Protein backbone atom coordinates (compact mmCIF):
# COMPACT_ATOMS: atom_id res chain seq x y z
CA MET A 1 -15.72 11.36 9.93
CA VAL A 2 -16.61 8.38 7.74
CA ARG A 3 -17.95 5.03 8.89
CA GLY A 4 -18.38 1.78 7.02
CA GLN A 5 -19.30 -1.86 7.08
CA TYR A 6 -17.89 -4.43 4.69
CA GLY A 7 -20.02 -6.39 2.29
CA PRO A 8 -19.21 -9.60 0.39
CA GLN A 9 -16.14 -9.94 -1.79
CA LEU A 10 -17.30 -10.67 -5.32
CA GLY A 11 -15.54 -12.56 -8.11
CA ASP A 12 -15.33 -11.77 -11.80
CA ARG A 13 -18.84 -13.14 -12.38
CA ASP A 14 -20.28 -11.33 -9.34
CA GLU A 15 -20.29 -14.55 -7.37
CA ILE A 16 -19.65 -14.29 -3.61
CA VAL A 17 -16.05 -15.27 -2.88
CA LYS A 18 -16.09 -14.32 0.83
CA PRO A 19 -19.07 -13.26 2.96
CA GLY A 20 -19.85 -9.75 4.14
CA TYR A 21 -20.16 -8.78 7.80
CA ARG A 22 -23.90 -9.43 7.88
CA GLN A 23 -23.33 -12.95 6.58
CA GLU A 24 -20.80 -13.80 9.30
CA LYS A 25 -21.70 -16.28 12.03
CA ASP A 26 -23.76 -14.87 14.93
CA VAL A 27 -24.21 -11.47 13.20
CA ALA A 28 -27.74 -10.10 12.75
CA PRO A 29 -28.77 -9.84 9.06
CA GLY A 30 -29.58 -6.14 9.50
CA SER A 31 -26.66 -5.23 11.76
CA ASN A 32 -25.47 -1.61 11.63
CA THR A 33 -22.26 -2.27 13.54
CA GLU A 34 -19.36 -0.34 12.01
CA THR A 35 -16.32 -2.23 10.76
CA PHE A 36 -14.50 0.83 9.41
CA ALA A 37 -13.90 4.41 10.51
CA ALA A 38 -11.83 7.29 9.15
CA ALA A 39 -11.54 10.74 10.68
CA ARG A 40 -9.73 14.06 10.52
CA PHE A 41 -8.78 15.63 13.84
CA HIS A 42 -7.08 18.85 14.88
CA ILE A 43 -5.26 19.64 18.12
CA ASP A 44 -6.20 23.10 19.36
CA ASN A 45 -2.86 24.44 20.58
CA TRP A 46 0.02 26.54 19.25
CA ARG A 47 2.30 23.65 18.37
CA TRP A 48 -0.19 21.75 16.19
CA GLU A 49 -2.23 24.62 14.76
CA GLY A 50 -3.03 23.91 11.10
CA VAL A 51 -1.70 20.33 11.18
CA PRO A 52 -4.43 17.76 10.38
CA ILE A 53 -4.27 14.29 11.91
CA TYR A 54 -5.96 11.58 9.86
CA LEU A 55 -6.95 8.27 11.41
CA ARG A 56 -8.18 5.20 9.58
CA SER A 57 -8.99 1.71 10.82
CA GLY A 58 -11.03 -1.14 9.44
CA LYS A 59 -11.67 -4.85 9.22
CA ALA A 60 -11.51 -7.07 6.11
CA LEU A 61 -9.26 -4.66 4.22
CA TRP A 62 -6.88 -5.90 1.53
CA LYS A 63 -3.74 -5.33 3.62
CA ARG A 64 -3.17 -5.97 7.29
CA GLY A 65 -0.94 -3.58 9.17
CA THR A 66 -0.65 -0.79 11.72
CA GLU A 67 1.52 2.20 10.90
CA ILE A 68 1.97 5.80 11.97
CA ILE A 69 3.11 8.05 9.14
CA VAL A 70 4.39 11.57 9.77
CA GLU A 71 4.50 13.48 6.48
CA PHE A 72 6.65 16.62 6.51
CA ARG A 73 5.88 19.74 4.53
CA LYS A 74 7.40 19.79 1.05
CA ALA A 75 10.47 21.89 0.37
CA PRO A 76 9.78 24.98 -1.79
CA GLN A 77 9.75 24.00 -5.45
CA VAL A 78 11.68 27.18 -6.28
CA LEU A 79 14.82 25.42 -5.06
CA PHE A 80 14.64 23.26 -8.19
CA ARG A 81 13.69 25.91 -10.71
CA ALA A 82 15.33 25.41 -14.14
CA THR A 83 16.16 21.77 -13.31
CA PRO A 84 14.66 18.50 -14.62
CA ILE A 85 12.86 18.07 -11.26
CA ARG A 86 9.16 18.64 -11.93
CA GLU A 87 7.69 17.27 -8.72
CA LEU A 88 9.22 16.90 -5.28
CA GLY A 89 7.75 14.31 -2.93
CA PRO A 90 7.53 14.94 0.81
CA ASN A 91 9.83 13.32 3.35
CA ARG A 92 8.20 10.86 5.74
CA LEU A 93 8.88 9.36 9.15
CA ILE A 94 7.19 5.96 9.44
CA PHE A 95 6.59 3.88 12.56
CA HIS A 96 5.77 0.24 11.83
CA ILE A 97 3.71 -1.20 14.69
CA GLN A 98 2.53 -4.57 13.33
CA PRO A 99 2.93 -7.10 11.80
CA TYR A 100 6.47 -5.69 11.48
CA GLN A 101 8.10 -3.52 14.10
CA GLY A 102 10.48 -0.82 13.01
CA ILE A 103 11.12 2.80 12.12
CA GLU A 104 12.14 4.29 8.81
CA ILE A 105 12.76 7.71 7.30
CA GLN A 106 12.03 8.22 3.61
CA PHE A 107 13.64 11.15 1.85
CA GLN A 108 14.87 12.25 -1.57
CA ALA A 109 18.57 12.00 -2.48
CA LYS A 110 20.46 13.19 -5.55
CA ILE A 111 21.58 10.42 -7.89
CA PRO A 112 25.35 10.77 -8.48
CA GLY A 113 26.18 12.29 -11.86
CA PRO A 114 26.18 15.59 -13.75
CA THR A 115 22.37 15.66 -14.16
CA LEU A 116 20.17 16.67 -11.24
CA ARG A 117 17.96 13.66 -10.61
CA LEU A 118 16.35 12.56 -7.36
CA GLN A 119 15.62 9.09 -6.05
CA PRO A 120 13.68 8.11 -2.92
CA VAL A 121 15.88 6.43 -0.31
CA ASN A 122 15.30 5.41 3.26
CA MET A 123 17.00 4.81 6.57
CA ARG A 124 15.33 1.77 8.03
CA PHE A 125 15.51 0.06 11.40
CA GLY A 126 13.68 -3.25 11.83
CA TYR A 127 13.47 -5.06 15.13
CA GLY A 128 13.48 -8.43 13.39
CA ASP A 129 16.67 -7.55 11.50
CA ALA A 130 18.53 -5.99 14.42
CA PHE A 131 17.58 -8.44 17.16
CA LYS A 132 17.61 -12.17 16.51
CA ALA A 133 15.95 -13.12 19.79
CA SER A 134 12.64 -14.96 19.54
CA ARG A 135 9.63 -12.68 19.18
CA TYR A 136 6.82 -12.69 21.69
CA THR A 137 3.16 -12.08 21.02
CA GLY A 138 1.48 -8.97 22.39
CA TYR A 139 -0.41 -11.00 24.97
CA GLU A 140 2.72 -12.62 26.37
CA VAL A 141 4.32 -9.21 26.85
CA MET A 142 1.14 -7.80 28.41
CA ILE A 143 0.78 -10.63 30.94
CA TYR A 144 4.47 -10.47 31.84
CA SER A 145 4.29 -6.68 32.36
CA CYS A 146 1.18 -7.06 34.53
CA SER A 147 2.82 -9.67 36.72
CA HIS A 148 5.80 -7.36 37.31
CA GLY A 149 3.81 -4.15 37.82
CA ASP A 150 5.32 -2.51 34.74
CA ALA A 151 2.85 0.08 33.40
CA THR A 152 5.11 1.34 30.58
CA LEU A 153 3.04 -0.23 27.79
CA PHE A 154 -0.36 0.62 29.24
CA SER A 155 -2.55 3.70 28.87
CA ARG A 156 -3.20 5.76 31.98
CA GLY A 157 -6.75 6.10 33.24
CA ASP A 158 -7.00 9.83 32.48
CA LEU A 159 -5.90 9.18 28.87
CA VAL A 160 -8.61 6.53 28.42
CA GLU A 161 -11.25 8.86 29.86
CA ALA A 162 -10.12 11.71 27.59
CA ALA A 163 -10.34 9.43 24.53
CA TRP A 164 -13.89 8.41 25.40
CA ARG A 165 -14.91 12.06 25.84
CA VAL A 166 -13.99 12.51 22.18
CA ALA A 167 -15.36 9.23 20.86
CA GLN A 168 -18.65 8.85 22.76
CA PRO A 169 -20.50 11.83 21.19
CA LEU A 170 -19.59 10.49 17.75
CA LEU A 171 -20.83 7.01 18.61
CA ASP A 172 -24.06 8.48 20.00
CA TYR A 173 -24.64 10.41 16.77
CA TRP A 174 -23.96 7.35 14.62
CA LYS A 175 -26.35 5.29 16.71
CA ALA A 176 -29.13 7.80 16.15
CA ALA A 177 -28.43 8.39 12.44
CA PRO A 178 -29.35 5.84 9.74
CA ALA A 179 -26.50 4.00 8.03
CA GLU A 180 -26.28 2.84 4.43
CA PHE A 181 -24.47 -0.44 4.97
CA PRO A 182 -22.64 -2.27 3.52
CA ASN A 183 -20.66 0.45 1.74
CA TYR A 184 -17.36 -1.24 0.88
CA ALA A 185 -16.38 -4.63 -0.42
CA ARG A 186 -14.40 -7.08 1.63
CA GLY A 187 -10.77 -7.08 0.51
CA SER A 188 -10.84 -3.42 -0.60
CA TRP A 189 -9.41 -0.27 1.01
CA GLY A 190 -12.73 0.74 2.53
CA PRO A 191 -15.53 3.11 1.47
CA THR A 192 -14.83 5.68 -1.23
CA ALA A 193 -16.02 8.37 1.19
CA ALA A 194 -12.80 7.84 3.16
CA SER A 195 -10.79 8.85 0.10
CA ASP A 196 -13.07 11.83 -0.48
CA LEU A 197 -12.52 12.92 3.13
CA ILE A 198 -8.79 13.45 2.70
CA GLU A 199 -8.84 14.48 -0.97
CA ARG A 200 -11.05 17.46 -0.14
CA ASP A 201 -7.99 18.80 1.69
CA GLY A 202 -5.77 18.28 -1.35
CA ARG A 203 -4.14 15.19 0.17
CA ARG A 204 -4.19 11.44 -0.40
CA TRP A 205 -3.82 8.45 1.88
CA PHE A 206 -0.25 7.18 1.70
CA GLU A 207 -0.64 3.46 1.11
CA LEU A 208 2.40 1.81 2.61
CA LEU A 209 3.22 -1.37 0.69
CA THR A 210 4.94 -3.99 2.81
CA ASP A 211 6.93 -7.16 2.27
CA ASP A 212 3.74 -9.22 2.57
CA VAL A 213 2.20 -7.40 -0.38
CA LEU A 214 5.26 -7.93 -2.59
CA LYS A 215 5.55 -11.61 -1.67
CA GLN A 216 2.22 -12.23 -3.39
CA VAL A 217 4.13 -11.68 -6.65
CA ALA A 218 6.01 -14.88 -7.55
CA ILE A 219 9.19 -12.97 -8.46
CA PHE A 220 9.47 -11.61 -4.92
CA LYS A 221 8.06 -14.57 -2.96
CA ASP A 222 11.39 -15.60 -1.41
CA GLY A 223 12.96 -12.16 -1.41
CA ASP A 224 15.32 -11.05 1.31
CA PRO A 225 14.05 -8.06 3.40
CA LEU A 226 16.88 -5.91 2.01
CA PHE A 227 15.89 -6.78 -1.57
CA LEU A 228 12.19 -6.18 -0.92
CA SER A 229 12.84 -2.83 0.77
CA GLN A 230 14.72 -1.67 -2.31
CA VAL A 231 11.84 -2.75 -4.54
CA ILE A 232 9.32 -0.89 -2.36
CA LEU A 233 11.38 2.29 -2.62
CA ALA A 234 11.56 1.94 -6.41
CA LEU A 235 7.76 1.75 -6.79
CA ARG A 236 6.43 4.80 -8.64
CA PRO A 237 2.92 6.05 -7.82
CA GLU A 238 0.59 6.58 -10.76
CA VAL A 239 -3.00 7.81 -10.92
CA VAL A 240 -5.18 6.73 -13.84
CA LYS A 241 -8.67 8.04 -14.57
CA ALA A 242 -11.61 5.74 -15.27
CA GLY A 243 -11.71 4.59 -18.88
CA HIS A 244 -8.02 5.18 -19.58
CA THR A 245 -5.82 2.35 -20.87
CA ILE A 246 -3.09 1.19 -18.48
CA ILE A 247 -1.59 -1.50 -20.73
CA ARG A 248 -2.24 -1.87 -24.45
CA LYS A 249 -1.91 -5.26 -26.15
CA GLY A 250 1.11 -5.42 -28.44
CA ALA A 251 2.93 -2.52 -26.77
CA MET A 252 6.39 -3.34 -25.43
CA GLY A 253 6.21 -4.03 -21.72
CA ARG A 254 8.58 -2.31 -19.31
CA GLU A 255 6.59 -2.05 -16.06
CA MET A 256 4.63 -4.20 -13.67
CA TYR A 257 1.78 -2.71 -11.66
CA ILE A 258 0.26 -3.20 -8.24
CA LEU A 259 -3.31 -1.94 -8.05
CA VAL A 260 -3.36 -0.08 -4.75
CA ARG A 261 -6.92 1.19 -5.08
CA GLY A 262 -9.62 0.87 -7.72
CA GLU A 263 -10.70 -1.63 -10.37
CA ALA A 264 -9.17 -2.43 -13.77
CA GLU A 265 -10.48 -4.69 -16.53
CA VAL A 266 -8.62 -7.12 -18.79
CA LEU A 267 -10.05 -7.00 -22.33
CA ASP A 268 -9.97 -9.62 -25.09
CA GLU A 269 -9.64 -9.00 -28.84
CA ALA A 270 -13.31 -8.02 -29.12
CA GLY A 271 -13.08 -5.58 -26.22
CA ASP A 272 -15.04 -7.83 -23.85
CA VAL A 273 -14.07 -8.03 -20.20
CA ILE A 274 -12.47 -11.37 -19.29
CA LYS A 275 -11.09 -10.50 -15.83
CA THR A 276 -11.29 -7.72 -13.26
CA PHE A 277 -8.40 -6.61 -11.07
CA LYS A 278 -9.20 -5.12 -7.66
CA ASP A 279 -7.37 -3.63 -4.67
CA GLY A 280 -4.13 -5.53 -4.05
CA ASP A 281 -3.96 -7.32 -7.40
CA PHE A 282 -0.89 -7.09 -9.64
CA PHE A 283 -0.20 -7.54 -13.35
CA GLY A 284 2.52 -7.17 -15.98
CA GLU A 285 5.34 -8.74 -13.95
CA ILE A 286 6.85 -10.56 -16.95
CA ALA A 287 7.91 -7.12 -18.23
CA LEU A 288 10.50 -7.08 -15.44
CA LEU A 289 12.03 -10.31 -16.76
CA MET A 290 11.82 -9.84 -20.53
CA HIS A 291 11.28 -6.94 -22.93
CA THR A 292 8.30 -8.46 -24.77
CA PRO A 293 4.98 -7.20 -26.18
CA ARG A 294 1.97 -7.12 -23.86
CA VAL A 295 -0.41 -10.03 -24.31
CA ALA A 296 -3.61 -8.22 -23.23
CA THR A 297 -5.13 -4.79 -22.78
CA VAL A 298 -5.86 -3.53 -19.26
CA ARG A 299 -8.22 -0.58 -18.83
CA ALA A 300 -9.15 1.35 -15.68
CA LYS A 301 -12.77 0.60 -14.77
CA THR A 302 -12.70 3.23 -12.01
CA GLY A 303 -10.12 5.79 -11.00
CA CYS A 304 -7.02 3.76 -10.08
CA ASP A 305 -4.07 4.35 -7.78
CA LEU A 306 -1.18 2.24 -9.01
CA ALA A 307 2.35 1.44 -7.86
CA ALA A 308 4.57 0.83 -10.89
CA LEU A 309 7.99 -0.82 -11.01
CA ASP A 310 9.87 -0.38 -14.28
CA LYS A 311 12.53 -2.67 -15.68
CA THR A 312 15.25 -0.03 -15.41
CA SER A 313 14.76 0.26 -11.63
CA PHE A 314 14.43 -3.51 -11.23
CA THR A 315 17.66 -4.10 -13.17
CA ARG A 316 19.46 -1.49 -11.07
CA ILE A 317 18.37 -3.25 -7.88
CA LEU A 318 19.62 -6.61 -9.15
CA ARG A 319 22.93 -5.06 -10.17
CA ASP A 320 23.33 -3.61 -6.69
CA HIS A 321 22.34 -6.94 -5.11
CA PRO A 322 23.45 -9.66 -7.59
CA GLN A 323 22.95 -12.36 -4.95
CA PHE A 324 19.21 -12.15 -5.63
CA ALA A 325 19.49 -12.64 -9.39
CA ASP A 326 19.79 -16.44 -9.16
CA SER A 327 16.55 -16.65 -7.18
CA VAL A 328 14.73 -14.50 -9.75
CA LEU A 329 16.04 -16.66 -12.62
CA LYS A 330 14.82 -19.82 -10.89
CA ILE A 331 11.36 -18.34 -10.35
CA ALA A 332 11.24 -17.23 -13.98
CA LYS A 333 11.79 -20.84 -15.01
CA ASP A 334 9.57 -22.55 -12.41
CA ARG A 335 6.66 -20.10 -12.40
CA TYR A 336 6.65 -18.63 -15.92
CA ASP A 337 8.60 -21.30 -17.87
CA LEU A 338 11.06 -18.65 -19.09
CA ASN A 339 14.69 -19.49 -19.83
CA ILE A 340 16.58 -16.27 -19.22
CA GLU A 341 20.33 -15.81 -19.12
CA SER A 342 21.79 -13.89 -16.19
CA GLU A 343 23.35 -11.35 -18.56
CA ALA A 344 19.97 -10.66 -20.19
CA LEU A 345 18.29 -10.19 -16.81
CA LEU A 346 20.94 -7.73 -15.61
CA SER A 347 20.98 -5.76 -18.87
CA ASP A 348 18.45 -3.10 -19.67
CA ALA A 349 18.06 -3.49 -23.42
CA GLY A 350 15.41 -1.36 -24.97
CA ARG A 351 15.81 1.45 -22.45
CA ARG A 352 13.66 4.44 -23.30
């Protein structure tokens, strides 16, 4: 298990942008109260033997959401021997609890054509899309269920007692053991020890990017859920080691990046740092609108997990959903002062 407590969120000049937990109102300056926990559990029975269950929860993280992700074992790579497929991603069953409610299945499908190429696709059900009735808050539903004696949404007493039999010994140990707090910055993904926990098993946390994350990018701010879901599926994971260049000034831009985890630095002509990107930041989005040289160099300060969207995928999405092209063109003009013709946006000139 890993525990954590968030510290202040710092700006580019190490100034405090938002306070840490110990600086919050009515919190003791030396408080050792946990605001983050991650754990690996196993169920000791035949059905779940050898299947790890990873849990993670925290406050003041860079993305709000509750999801359950079931990741299936990968298909044998031998099935794709002597084909262009070099890596096969696992299929996933995802339950969205909040702030969106829904279920989706992500899997790989063959792109039509003579060449064997795979593309991630999904089957998605969203409550907000399927049912247009007004949504209730969790408390409204809880009070209504209580008043009608409906226990469907509530945990039984024996389940609660069983959960505490697991949790209480851990809490007792933490209470007796010293803590090195704070150990993660507000607005990040939590302590690095949580990543180490799962990476020791040869796995990585699957960071599920949602509509809210994409809407922070001006191009996608007013995007339809269908459009945004296609963009999320087109995002390509990339891992960059500390010190490696992500974007080089003068190189032709073809991707935008969302920094899922880590820190990256923007460098000026002299190689000095002028800005630092952190968890949840994005950069390079103009490359989706125009095939132009990069205006700055971006270098990984730490190991970085990135989600990349290239112009080819973005153009394909707009071709499949041309109704969104007008909105993108308007944003390009209003936000970036770019006059782009519809034909230029929907073409993929300069394809590699």
